[in-house]
N, C-alpha and C. Protein backbone atom coordinates (compact mmCIF):
# COMPACT_ATOMS: atom_id res chain seq x y z
N UNK A 1 29.41 9.44 0.77
CA UNK A 1 28.30 9.66 1.67
C UNK A 1 26.99 9.19 1.03
N UNK A 2 26.85 9.47 -0.25
CA UNK A 2 25.60 9.14 -0.94
C UNK A 2 25.28 7.65 -0.86
N UNK A 3 26.32 6.81 -0.90
CA UNK A 3 26.08 5.36 -0.90
C UNK A 3 25.35 4.92 0.36
N UNK A 4 25.52 5.63 1.46
CA UNK A 4 24.82 5.29 2.71
C UNK A 4 23.36 5.74 2.69
N UNK A 5 23.06 6.67 1.81
CA UNK A 5 21.71 7.23 1.74
C UNK A 5 20.85 6.57 0.67
N UNK A 6 21.48 5.87 -0.26
CA UNK A 6 20.77 5.27 -1.39
C UNK A 6 20.22 3.89 -1.05
N UNK A 7 19.35 3.44 -1.97
CA UNK A 7 18.87 2.06 -1.92
C UNK A 7 17.60 1.88 -1.13
N UNK A 8 16.84 0.90 -1.54
CA UNK A 8 15.61 0.59 -0.82
C UNK A 8 14.52 1.60 -1.05
N UNK A 9 13.52 1.49 -0.22
CA UNK A 9 12.37 2.39 -0.34
C UNK A 9 12.19 3.15 0.98
N UNK A 10 11.04 3.78 1.12
CA UNK A 10 10.80 4.61 2.30
C UNK A 10 10.66 3.80 3.59
N UNK A 11 10.54 2.49 3.48
CA UNK A 11 10.42 1.68 4.69
C UNK A 11 11.77 1.29 5.27
N UNK A 12 12.85 1.62 4.58
CA UNK A 12 14.18 1.25 5.06
C UNK A 12 15.01 2.48 5.38
N UNK A 13 15.88 2.35 6.35
CA UNK A 13 16.71 3.50 6.74
C UNK A 13 18.08 3.47 6.08
N UNK A 14 18.30 2.49 5.22
CA UNK A 14 19.57 2.43 4.49
C UNK A 14 20.75 2.34 5.43
N UNK A 15 21.79 3.09 5.13
CA UNK A 15 23.03 3.05 5.91
C UNK A 15 23.16 4.15 6.94
N UNK A 16 22.02 4.68 7.42
CA UNK A 16 22.06 5.79 8.38
C UNK A 16 22.93 5.45 9.59
N UNK A 17 22.76 4.26 10.14
CA UNK A 17 23.52 3.92 11.36
C UNK A 17 25.03 3.88 11.10
N UNK A 18 25.41 3.64 9.86
CA UNK A 18 26.83 3.64 9.51
C UNK A 18 27.33 5.05 9.19
N UNK A 19 26.43 5.89 8.72
CA UNK A 19 26.80 7.24 8.32
C UNK A 19 26.96 8.18 9.52
N UNK A 20 26.12 8.04 10.52
CA UNK A 20 26.15 8.96 11.66
C UNK A 20 27.56 9.09 12.25
N UNK A 21 28.27 7.99 12.52
CA UNK A 21 29.62 8.15 13.09
C UNK A 21 30.64 8.79 12.14
N UNK A 22 30.30 8.84 10.86
CA UNK A 22 31.22 9.45 9.89
C UNK A 22 31.09 10.97 9.83
N UNK A 23 30.06 11.50 10.47
CA UNK A 23 29.87 12.96 10.51
C UNK A 23 30.68 13.47 11.70
N UNK A 24 31.91 13.88 11.42
CA UNK A 24 32.86 14.21 12.49
C UNK A 24 33.05 15.70 12.72
N UNK A 25 32.61 16.52 11.76
CA UNK A 25 32.82 17.95 11.92
C UNK A 25 31.81 18.71 11.06
N UNK A 26 31.89 20.02 11.13
CA UNK A 26 30.95 20.87 10.40
C UNK A 26 31.02 20.64 8.90
N UNK A 27 32.22 20.43 8.39
CA UNK A 27 32.38 20.20 6.95
C UNK A 27 31.62 18.95 6.51
N UNK A 28 31.78 17.85 7.25
CA UNK A 28 31.05 16.62 6.93
C UNK A 28 29.54 16.87 7.01
N UNK A 29 29.14 17.59 8.04
CA UNK A 29 27.72 17.87 8.23
C UNK A 29 27.17 18.70 7.08
N UNK A 30 27.91 19.70 6.65
CA UNK A 30 27.47 20.56 5.55
C UNK A 30 27.26 19.76 4.27
N UNK A 31 28.14 18.81 4.01
CA UNK A 31 27.99 17.94 2.84
C UNK A 31 26.72 17.11 2.98
N UNK A 32 26.52 16.53 4.15
CA UNK A 32 25.31 15.74 4.43
C UNK A 32 24.06 16.58 4.23
N UNK A 33 24.07 17.79 4.75
CA UNK A 33 22.88 18.64 4.72
C UNK A 33 22.38 18.88 3.30
N UNK A 34 23.29 18.96 2.35
CA UNK A 34 22.89 19.19 0.95
C UNK A 34 21.93 18.12 0.44
N UNK A 35 22.05 16.93 0.97
CA UNK A 35 21.18 15.83 0.52
C UNK A 35 19.72 16.03 0.95
N UNK A 36 19.46 16.95 1.84
CA UNK A 36 18.08 17.23 2.22
C UNK A 36 17.33 17.94 1.10
N UNK A 37 18.05 18.34 0.07
CA UNK A 37 17.43 18.97 -1.10
C UNK A 37 17.38 18.03 -2.31
N UNK A 38 17.68 16.78 -2.10
CA UNK A 38 17.66 15.80 -3.20
C UNK A 38 16.24 15.67 -3.78
N UNK A 39 16.17 15.27 -5.03
CA UNK A 39 14.87 14.99 -5.66
C UNK A 39 14.40 13.58 -5.32
N UNK A 40 15.28 12.80 -4.72
CA UNK A 40 15.01 11.40 -4.37
C UNK A 40 14.49 11.34 -2.93
N UNK A 41 13.20 11.08 -2.78
CA UNK A 41 12.55 11.12 -1.47
C UNK A 41 13.22 10.21 -0.43
N UNK A 42 13.59 8.97 -0.75
CA UNK A 42 14.28 8.16 0.26
C UNK A 42 15.62 8.75 0.70
N UNK A 43 16.32 9.40 -0.21
CA UNK A 43 17.59 10.04 0.16
C UNK A 43 17.33 11.20 1.11
N UNK A 44 16.31 12.00 0.82
CA UNK A 44 15.96 13.11 1.71
C UNK A 44 15.63 12.58 3.10
N UNK A 45 14.82 11.52 3.15
CA UNK A 45 14.42 10.95 4.43
C UNK A 45 15.64 10.50 5.23
N UNK A 46 16.54 9.80 4.57
CA UNK A 46 17.72 9.28 5.27
C UNK A 46 18.69 10.40 5.64
N UNK A 47 18.81 11.39 4.78
CA UNK A 47 19.67 12.54 5.11
C UNK A 47 19.11 13.27 6.33
N UNK A 48 17.80 13.48 6.34
CA UNK A 48 17.16 14.16 7.48
C UNK A 48 17.33 13.34 8.76
N UNK A 49 17.21 12.03 8.64
CA UNK A 49 17.40 11.15 9.79
C UNK A 49 18.83 11.25 10.32
N UNK A 50 19.79 11.26 9.42
CA UNK A 50 21.20 11.37 9.81
C UNK A 50 21.49 12.74 10.41
N UNK A 51 20.92 13.79 9.81
CA UNK A 51 21.07 15.14 10.36
C UNK A 51 20.51 15.18 11.78
N UNK A 52 19.33 14.61 11.96
CA UNK A 52 18.71 14.62 13.29
C UNK A 52 19.58 13.88 14.30
N UNK A 53 20.03 12.70 13.95
CA UNK A 53 20.84 11.90 14.88
C UNK A 53 22.19 12.57 15.16
N UNK A 54 22.78 13.18 14.15
CA UNK A 54 24.08 13.85 14.32
C UNK A 54 23.97 15.06 15.24
N UNK A 55 22.85 15.74 15.18
CA UNK A 55 22.71 16.97 15.96
C UNK A 55 22.23 16.72 17.38
N UNK A 56 21.94 15.48 17.72
CA UNK A 56 21.66 15.19 19.13
C UNK A 56 22.90 15.52 19.97
N UNK A 57 24.06 15.20 19.44
CA UNK A 57 25.32 15.48 20.15
C UNK A 57 25.95 16.80 19.74
N UNK A 58 25.60 17.26 18.55
CA UNK A 58 26.22 18.48 18.03
C UNK A 58 25.16 19.42 17.45
N UNK A 59 24.29 19.98 18.29
CA UNK A 59 23.26 20.88 17.77
C UNK A 59 23.86 22.12 17.10
N UNK A 60 25.09 22.45 17.45
CA UNK A 60 25.74 23.62 16.85
C UNK A 60 25.95 23.47 15.35
N UNK A 61 25.94 22.25 14.85
CA UNK A 61 26.07 22.04 13.40
C UNK A 61 24.91 22.68 12.63
N UNK A 62 23.78 22.84 13.30
CA UNK A 62 22.59 23.38 12.62
C UNK A 62 22.66 24.89 12.41
N UNK A 63 23.45 25.58 13.20
CA UNK A 63 23.43 27.05 13.20
C UNK A 63 23.59 27.66 11.81
N UNK A 64 24.52 27.15 11.04
CA UNK A 64 24.75 27.74 9.71
C UNK A 64 23.68 27.34 8.70
N UNK A 65 22.76 26.49 9.11
CA UNK A 65 21.69 26.02 8.22
C UNK A 65 20.31 26.49 8.69
N UNK A 66 20.29 27.45 9.60
CA UNK A 66 19.02 27.89 10.16
C UNK A 66 18.05 28.38 9.09
N UNK A 67 18.50 29.23 8.20
CA UNK A 67 17.57 29.75 7.18
C UNK A 67 17.09 28.63 6.26
N UNK A 68 17.96 27.67 5.96
CA UNK A 68 17.53 26.51 5.16
C UNK A 68 16.45 25.72 5.89
N UNK A 69 16.66 25.47 7.17
CA UNK A 69 15.69 24.70 7.94
C UNK A 69 14.35 25.42 8.04
N UNK A 70 14.40 26.72 8.24
CA UNK A 70 13.15 27.49 8.32
C UNK A 70 12.43 27.49 6.97
N UNK A 71 13.18 27.54 5.89
CA UNK A 71 12.59 27.44 4.56
C UNK A 71 11.98 26.08 4.31
N UNK A 72 12.72 25.03 4.66
CA UNK A 72 12.20 23.67 4.50
C UNK A 72 10.96 23.45 5.35
N UNK A 73 10.95 24.03 6.53
CA UNK A 73 9.79 23.91 7.42
C UNK A 73 8.53 24.42 6.72
N UNK A 74 8.67 25.51 5.98
CA UNK A 74 7.52 26.10 5.30
C UNK A 74 7.13 25.36 4.03
N UNK A 75 8.10 24.71 3.40
CA UNK A 75 7.81 24.09 2.09
C UNK A 75 7.66 22.57 2.12
N UNK A 76 7.99 21.94 3.22
CA UNK A 76 7.98 20.47 3.29
C UNK A 76 6.59 19.92 3.01
N UNK A 77 6.55 18.89 2.20
CA UNK A 77 5.30 18.21 1.88
C UNK A 77 5.32 16.75 2.34
N UNK A 78 6.48 16.13 2.31
CA UNK A 78 6.57 14.71 2.64
C UNK A 78 6.67 14.51 4.15
N UNK A 79 5.88 13.56 4.64
CA UNK A 79 5.83 13.34 6.08
C UNK A 79 7.18 12.97 6.67
N UNK A 80 8.00 12.25 5.91
CA UNK A 80 9.31 11.84 6.44
C UNK A 80 10.20 13.04 6.73
N UNK A 81 10.11 14.05 5.90
CA UNK A 81 10.88 15.26 6.13
C UNK A 81 10.27 16.07 7.27
N UNK A 82 8.95 16.16 7.29
CA UNK A 82 8.28 16.94 8.34
C UNK A 82 8.61 16.42 9.73
N UNK A 83 8.60 15.09 9.90
CA UNK A 83 8.81 14.60 11.26
C UNK A 83 10.22 14.86 11.74
N UNK A 84 11.19 14.88 10.83
CA UNK A 84 12.56 15.22 11.24
C UNK A 84 12.71 16.73 11.43
N UNK A 85 12.12 17.51 10.55
CA UNK A 85 12.21 18.97 10.69
C UNK A 85 11.63 19.44 12.02
N UNK A 86 10.54 18.82 12.44
CA UNK A 86 9.92 19.20 13.71
C UNK A 86 10.95 19.19 14.83
N UNK A 87 11.69 18.11 14.91
CA UNK A 87 12.68 17.97 15.98
C UNK A 87 13.89 18.87 15.74
N UNK A 88 14.29 19.03 14.50
CA UNK A 88 15.47 19.84 14.20
C UNK A 88 15.27 21.31 14.55
N UNK A 89 14.12 21.88 14.21
CA UNK A 89 13.93 23.31 14.47
C UNK A 89 13.89 23.61 15.96
N UNK A 90 13.54 22.61 16.77
CA UNK A 90 13.51 22.85 18.21
C UNK A 90 14.93 22.96 18.79
N UNK A 91 15.93 22.62 18.02
CA UNK A 91 17.33 22.70 18.46
C UNK A 91 18.01 24.00 18.04
N UNK A 92 17.28 24.83 17.33
CA UNK A 92 17.86 26.07 16.81
C UNK A 92 17.68 27.22 17.80
N UNK A 93 18.67 28.11 17.89
CA UNK A 93 18.44 29.37 18.60
C UNK A 93 17.59 30.26 17.68
N UNK A 94 16.46 30.72 18.19
CA UNK A 94 15.52 31.47 17.35
C UNK A 94 15.27 32.86 17.92
N UNK A 95 15.21 33.85 17.03
CA UNK A 95 14.78 35.17 17.47
C UNK A 95 13.25 35.17 17.56
N UNK A 96 12.66 36.26 18.00
CA UNK A 96 11.21 36.29 18.22
C UNK A 96 10.42 36.01 16.95
N UNK A 97 10.84 36.61 15.85
CA UNK A 97 10.13 36.41 14.58
C UNK A 97 10.23 34.95 14.12
N UNK A 98 11.42 34.39 14.20
CA UNK A 98 11.62 32.98 13.81
C UNK A 98 10.83 32.05 14.72
N UNK A 99 10.82 32.36 16.01
CA UNK A 99 10.06 31.55 16.96
C UNK A 99 8.58 31.55 16.61
N UNK A 100 8.06 32.70 16.24
CA UNK A 100 6.66 32.82 15.85
C UNK A 100 6.35 31.93 14.64
N UNK A 101 7.23 31.92 13.66
CA UNK A 101 7.06 31.10 12.46
C UNK A 101 7.10 29.62 12.81
N UNK A 102 8.08 29.23 13.61
CA UNK A 102 8.25 27.83 13.99
C UNK A 102 7.05 27.36 14.81
N UNK A 103 6.64 28.15 15.79
CA UNK A 103 5.51 27.75 16.63
C UNK A 103 4.24 27.59 15.80
N UNK A 104 4.01 28.49 14.88
CA UNK A 104 2.80 28.40 14.05
C UNK A 104 2.80 27.11 13.23
N UNK A 105 3.92 26.78 12.63
CA UNK A 105 3.98 25.57 11.80
C UNK A 105 3.86 24.32 12.66
N UNK A 106 4.55 24.28 13.79
CA UNK A 106 4.48 23.10 14.66
C UNK A 106 3.07 22.91 15.22
N UNK A 107 2.41 24.00 15.59
CA UNK A 107 1.02 23.89 16.07
C UNK A 107 0.11 23.39 14.96
N UNK A 108 0.33 23.89 13.75
CA UNK A 108 -0.46 23.45 12.60
C UNK A 108 -0.30 21.94 12.40
N UNK A 109 0.93 21.48 12.39
CA UNK A 109 1.18 20.05 12.17
C UNK A 109 0.64 19.21 13.32
N UNK A 110 0.82 19.66 14.55
CA UNK A 110 0.35 18.88 15.70
C UNK A 110 -1.17 18.80 15.73
N UNK A 111 -1.84 19.83 15.26
CA UNK A 111 -3.30 19.91 15.33
C UNK A 111 -4.02 19.29 14.14
N UNK A 112 -3.33 19.08 13.06
CA UNK A 112 -3.96 18.67 11.80
C UNK A 112 -4.19 17.16 11.73
N UNK A 113 -5.44 16.72 11.81
CA UNK A 113 -5.73 15.28 11.74
C UNK A 113 -5.30 14.64 10.42
N UNK A 114 -5.08 15.45 9.39
CA UNK A 114 -4.65 14.91 8.09
C UNK A 114 -3.16 14.59 8.08
N UNK A 115 -2.41 15.11 9.04
CA UNK A 115 -0.98 14.81 9.12
C UNK A 115 -0.79 13.40 9.67
N UNK A 116 0.33 12.79 9.32
CA UNK A 116 0.62 11.46 9.86
C UNK A 116 0.82 11.58 11.37
N UNK A 117 0.59 10.50 12.05
CA UNK A 117 0.69 10.54 13.52
C UNK A 117 2.11 10.84 13.98
N UNK A 118 3.10 10.33 13.28
CA UNK A 118 4.48 10.60 13.71
C UNK A 118 4.83 12.08 13.51
N UNK A 119 4.31 12.71 12.47
CA UNK A 119 4.52 14.15 12.30
C UNK A 119 3.87 14.89 13.46
N UNK A 120 2.66 14.49 13.80
CA UNK A 120 1.94 15.16 14.90
C UNK A 120 2.66 14.97 16.23
N UNK A 121 3.10 13.74 16.50
CA UNK A 121 3.80 13.45 17.75
C UNK A 121 5.12 14.22 17.83
N UNK A 122 5.87 14.24 16.74
CA UNK A 122 7.15 14.95 16.76
C UNK A 122 6.96 16.46 16.85
N UNK A 123 5.91 16.98 16.23
CA UNK A 123 5.61 18.41 16.37
C UNK A 123 5.27 18.73 17.82
N UNK A 124 4.50 17.84 18.45
CA UNK A 124 4.16 18.01 19.86
C UNK A 124 5.42 17.98 20.73
N UNK A 125 6.30 17.02 20.46
CA UNK A 125 7.56 16.93 21.20
C UNK A 125 8.38 18.21 21.04
N UNK A 126 8.46 18.71 19.82
CA UNK A 126 9.23 19.93 19.56
C UNK A 126 8.61 21.12 20.28
N UNK A 127 7.29 21.22 20.27
CA UNK A 127 6.62 22.31 20.98
C UNK A 127 6.94 22.25 22.48
N UNK A 128 6.95 21.05 23.02
CA UNK A 128 7.28 20.88 24.43
C UNK A 128 8.72 21.31 24.70
N UNK A 129 9.63 20.91 23.83
CA UNK A 129 11.04 21.28 24.00
C UNK A 129 11.22 22.80 23.94
N UNK A 130 10.52 23.44 23.01
CA UNK A 130 10.61 24.90 22.88
C UNK A 130 9.97 25.57 24.09
N UNK A 131 8.84 25.04 24.52
CA UNK A 131 8.15 25.59 25.69
C UNK A 131 9.04 25.55 26.92
N UNK A 132 9.81 24.49 27.06
CA UNK A 132 10.70 24.37 28.21
C UNK A 132 11.77 25.46 28.22
N UNK A 133 12.06 26.04 27.06
CA UNK A 133 13.03 27.13 26.96
C UNK A 133 12.37 28.49 27.18
N UNK A 134 11.05 28.54 27.05
CA UNK A 134 10.31 29.80 27.17
C UNK A 134 9.01 29.56 27.92
N UNK A 135 9.02 29.69 29.26
CA UNK A 135 7.84 29.39 30.07
C UNK A 135 6.60 30.21 29.68
N UNK A 136 6.78 31.31 28.96
CA UNK A 136 5.64 32.11 28.52
C UNK A 136 4.74 31.39 27.54
N UNK A 137 5.21 30.28 27.01
CA UNK A 137 4.44 29.51 26.03
C UNK A 137 3.56 28.44 26.68
N UNK A 138 3.66 28.31 27.98
CA UNK A 138 2.97 27.23 28.71
C UNK A 138 1.46 27.22 28.48
N UNK A 139 0.81 28.37 28.57
CA UNK A 139 -0.65 28.42 28.47
C UNK A 139 -1.13 27.90 27.11
N UNK A 140 -0.56 28.41 26.04
CA UNK A 140 -0.94 27.95 24.69
C UNK A 140 -0.66 26.47 24.51
N UNK A 141 0.44 26.01 25.08
CA UNK A 141 0.81 24.60 24.96
C UNK A 141 -0.23 23.72 25.66
N UNK A 142 -0.64 24.11 26.85
CA UNK A 142 -1.64 23.32 27.59
C UNK A 142 -2.99 23.32 26.86
N UNK A 143 -3.34 24.42 26.23
CA UNK A 143 -4.58 24.47 25.44
C UNK A 143 -4.51 23.47 24.29
N UNK A 144 -3.39 23.43 23.61
CA UNK A 144 -3.20 22.47 22.52
C UNK A 144 -3.27 21.04 23.04
N UNK A 145 -2.66 20.77 24.18
CA UNK A 145 -2.68 19.43 24.76
C UNK A 145 -4.12 18.99 25.04
N UNK A 146 -4.91 19.87 25.63
CA UNK A 146 -6.32 19.51 25.92
C UNK A 146 -7.07 19.19 24.63
N UNK A 147 -6.83 19.97 23.60
CA UNK A 147 -7.48 19.72 22.30
C UNK A 147 -7.06 18.36 21.74
N UNK A 148 -5.78 18.07 21.79
CA UNK A 148 -5.28 16.80 21.25
C UNK A 148 -5.78 15.60 22.05
N UNK A 149 -5.87 15.74 23.36
CA UNK A 149 -6.35 14.63 24.18
C UNK A 149 -7.78 14.24 23.81
N UNK A 150 -8.57 15.21 23.41
CA UNK A 150 -9.97 14.93 23.04
C UNK A 150 -10.08 14.06 21.80
N UNK A 151 -9.03 14.04 20.99
CA UNK A 151 -9.05 13.21 19.78
C UNK A 151 -8.88 11.73 20.10
N UNK A 152 -8.37 11.44 21.29
CA UNK A 152 -8.18 10.06 21.75
C UNK A 152 -7.38 9.20 20.76
N UNK A 153 -6.24 9.72 20.37
CA UNK A 153 -5.32 8.99 19.49
C UNK A 153 -4.21 8.43 20.37
N UNK A 154 -4.06 7.11 20.33
CA UNK A 154 -3.15 6.42 21.25
C UNK A 154 -1.73 6.97 21.21
N UNK A 155 -1.17 7.15 20.02
CA UNK A 155 0.23 7.59 19.93
C UNK A 155 0.42 9.01 20.48
N UNK A 156 -0.56 9.86 20.25
CA UNK A 156 -0.47 11.24 20.76
C UNK A 156 -0.63 11.24 22.28
N UNK A 157 -1.60 10.49 22.77
CA UNK A 157 -1.80 10.43 24.22
C UNK A 157 -0.61 9.78 24.92
N UNK A 158 0.02 8.80 24.27
CA UNK A 158 1.22 8.18 24.85
C UNK A 158 2.34 9.21 24.97
N UNK A 159 2.51 10.06 23.95
CA UNK A 159 3.55 11.09 24.02
C UNK A 159 3.22 12.11 25.11
N UNK A 160 1.96 12.46 25.22
CA UNK A 160 1.56 13.40 26.27
C UNK A 160 1.91 12.81 27.64
N UNK A 161 1.62 11.53 27.84
CA UNK A 161 1.97 10.88 29.11
C UNK A 161 3.49 10.87 29.31
N UNK A 162 4.22 10.57 28.26
CA UNK A 162 5.69 10.53 28.35
C UNK A 162 6.25 11.90 28.73
N UNK A 163 5.62 12.93 28.23
CA UNK A 163 6.05 14.30 28.54
C UNK A 163 5.56 14.74 29.91
N UNK A 164 4.77 13.87 30.57
CA UNK A 164 4.22 14.15 31.90
C UNK A 164 3.38 15.43 31.90
N UNK A 165 2.50 15.49 30.93
CA UNK A 165 1.62 16.64 30.78
C UNK A 165 0.19 16.16 30.91
N UNK A 166 -0.59 16.88 31.68
CA UNK A 166 -2.00 16.51 31.77
C UNK A 166 -2.88 17.73 31.81
């Protein structure tokens, strides 16, 4: 598995497209997930990318890694990990306390002009996905959208349009 994650720099996705179809069950996924703790930043990025792509079809693979994901959400420093974590946590079943933690971090990332645009856009996407599961979050979400629109950042406004939010 590691050979698909190695090589190149942060601008390359390595063998992610070849690795995704090899993740056939929870055991394969669990092995992959361990690479999200690598000391090698490109490996972490590619592992997170593969985890994200694998869980589009199998979100249930994330369940046994919920506490890890919530921990990574709080400790992540690299933008490549943050943008994948944003989307991953939105696929988790969350209790009220966990939801509060996730929403706070995603709002922080979406609102922070110092964050990369892709982190901000993915945090916004995740907030929208979570909001769709809990209509009680609509008011806060719309307030955040109005704030973000005032920044006039093309990528953020494009995502807002894609989400059909105004």
